[in-house]
Amino acid sequence: MTRRPRKTKLKFWPVDVKRRTKRRKPPRQARRKRNAFSARLTIDITPDLRARIKITAFERGVTVAYMLRLLLLKTFPRARGGRR
């Protein structure tokens, strides 16, 4: 009968555990992007319309969310004096 090979040897933790476990902040640009679109909008659409939207977004090389944001911004531009 053959013996099973030993899986792995024990590995040691790095000396500086605090540095290894320190939570890193995301880059400034990522934080801005995350906060830029903080509200969610949910709508009901037919499966056919959803498929057409996804195909169009793929053909344009953008995400569905990005394409719909642009469409909403064009349809509902900001008022010049601030909020409406």
Protein backbone atom coordinates (compact mmCIF):
# COMPACT_ATOMS: atom_id res chain seq x y z
CA MET A 1 0.00 0.00 0.00
CA THR A 2 1.26 3.48 -0.81
CA ARG A 3 1.44 6.30 1.63
CA ARG A 4 -0.35 9.54 1.03
CA PRO A 5 2.02 12.42 0.40
CA ARG A 6 2.09 15.08 3.03
CA LYS A 7 -0.17 17.98 1.99
CA THR A 8 1.72 21.10 2.99
CA LYS A 9 4.07 22.21 5.64
CA LEU A 10 3.04 24.72 8.24
CA LYS A 11 3.44 28.30 7.18
CA PHE A 12 4.33 31.02 9.62
CA TRP A 13 2.48 34.29 10.02
CA PRO A 14 4.33 37.47 9.10
CA VAL A 15 6.03 39.24 11.95
CA ASP A 16 4.02 42.46 11.56
CA VAL A 17 0.46 41.23 12.13
CA LYS A 18 -0.97 44.75 12.53
CA ARG A 19 0.23 45.74 9.08
CA ARG A 20 -1.22 42.59 7.59
CA THR A 21 -4.65 43.03 9.19
CA LYS A 22 -4.92 46.81 8.85
CA ARG A 23 -7.98 47.79 6.87
CA ARG A 24 -7.04 49.71 3.77
CA LYS A 25 -9.06 52.68 2.60
CA PRO A 26 -10.30 52.52 -0.98
CA PRO A 27 -8.74 55.02 -3.39
CA ARG A 28 -10.28 58.49 -3.36
CA GLN A 29 -11.75 58.05 -6.84
CA ALA A 30 -13.51 54.82 -5.83
CA ARG A 31 -15.03 56.51 -2.76
CA ARG A 32 -16.31 59.37 -4.89
CA LYS A 33 -17.80 56.98 -7.43
CA ARG A 34 -19.53 54.94 -4.74
CA ASN A 35 -21.15 58.04 -3.21
CA ALA A 36 -22.09 59.61 -6.54
CA PHE A 37 -24.99 57.23 -7.12
CA SER A 38 -26.30 56.41 -3.68
CA ALA A 39 -30.05 56.22 -4.44
CA ARG A 40 -31.60 53.14 -6.01
CA LEU A 41 -34.43 53.15 -8.52
CA THR A 42 -36.45 50.01 -9.16
CA ILE A 43 -38.76 49.65 -12.15
CA ASP A 44 -40.72 46.77 -13.65
CA ILE A 45 -39.98 46.02 -17.30
CA THR A 46 -40.81 43.15 -19.62
CA PRO A 47 -38.20 40.46 -20.25
CA ASP A 48 -38.13 41.53 -23.92
CA LEU A 49 -37.29 45.14 -23.04
CA ARG A 50 -34.65 43.99 -20.56
CA ALA A 51 -33.02 41.89 -23.25
CA ARG A 52 -33.02 44.80 -25.72
CA ILE A 53 -31.46 47.11 -23.12
CA LYS A 54 -28.74 44.57 -22.31
CA ILE A 55 -27.93 43.97 -25.99
CA THR A 56 -27.74 47.70 -26.70
CA ALA A 57 -25.46 48.28 -23.71
CA PHE A 58 -23.21 45.42 -24.82
CA GLU A 59 -23.01 46.79 -28.36
CA ARG A 60 -22.01 50.21 -27.00
CA GLY A 61 -19.44 48.67 -24.68
CA VAL A 62 -20.95 50.05 -21.48
CA THR A 63 -22.84 48.64 -18.53
CA VAL A 64 -26.62 48.71 -18.39
CA ALA A 65 -26.52 50.94 -15.30
CA TYR A 66 -24.20 53.46 -16.98
CA MET A 67 -26.31 53.57 -20.14
CA LEU A 68 -29.53 54.10 -18.18
CA ARG A 69 -27.93 56.84 -16.05
CA LEU A 70 -26.97 58.71 -19.22
CA LEU A 71 -30.47 58.28 -20.61
CA LEU A 72 -32.04 59.62 -17.41
CA LEU A 73 -29.63 62.57 -17.30
CA LYS A 74 -30.53 63.49 -20.90
CA THR A 75 -34.24 63.13 -20.23
CA PHE A 76 -34.21 65.00 -16.92
CA PRO A 77 -31.44 67.65 -17.08
CA ARG A 78 -30.52 69.64 -13.99
CA ALA A 79 -32.38 72.88 -13.48
CA ARG A 80 -30.18 75.96 -13.91
CA GLY A 81 -31.16 77.55 -10.61
CA GLY A 82 -30.48 74.48 -8.49
CA ARG A 83 -33.22 72.07 -7.49
CA ARG A 84 -36.60 71.98 -9.14
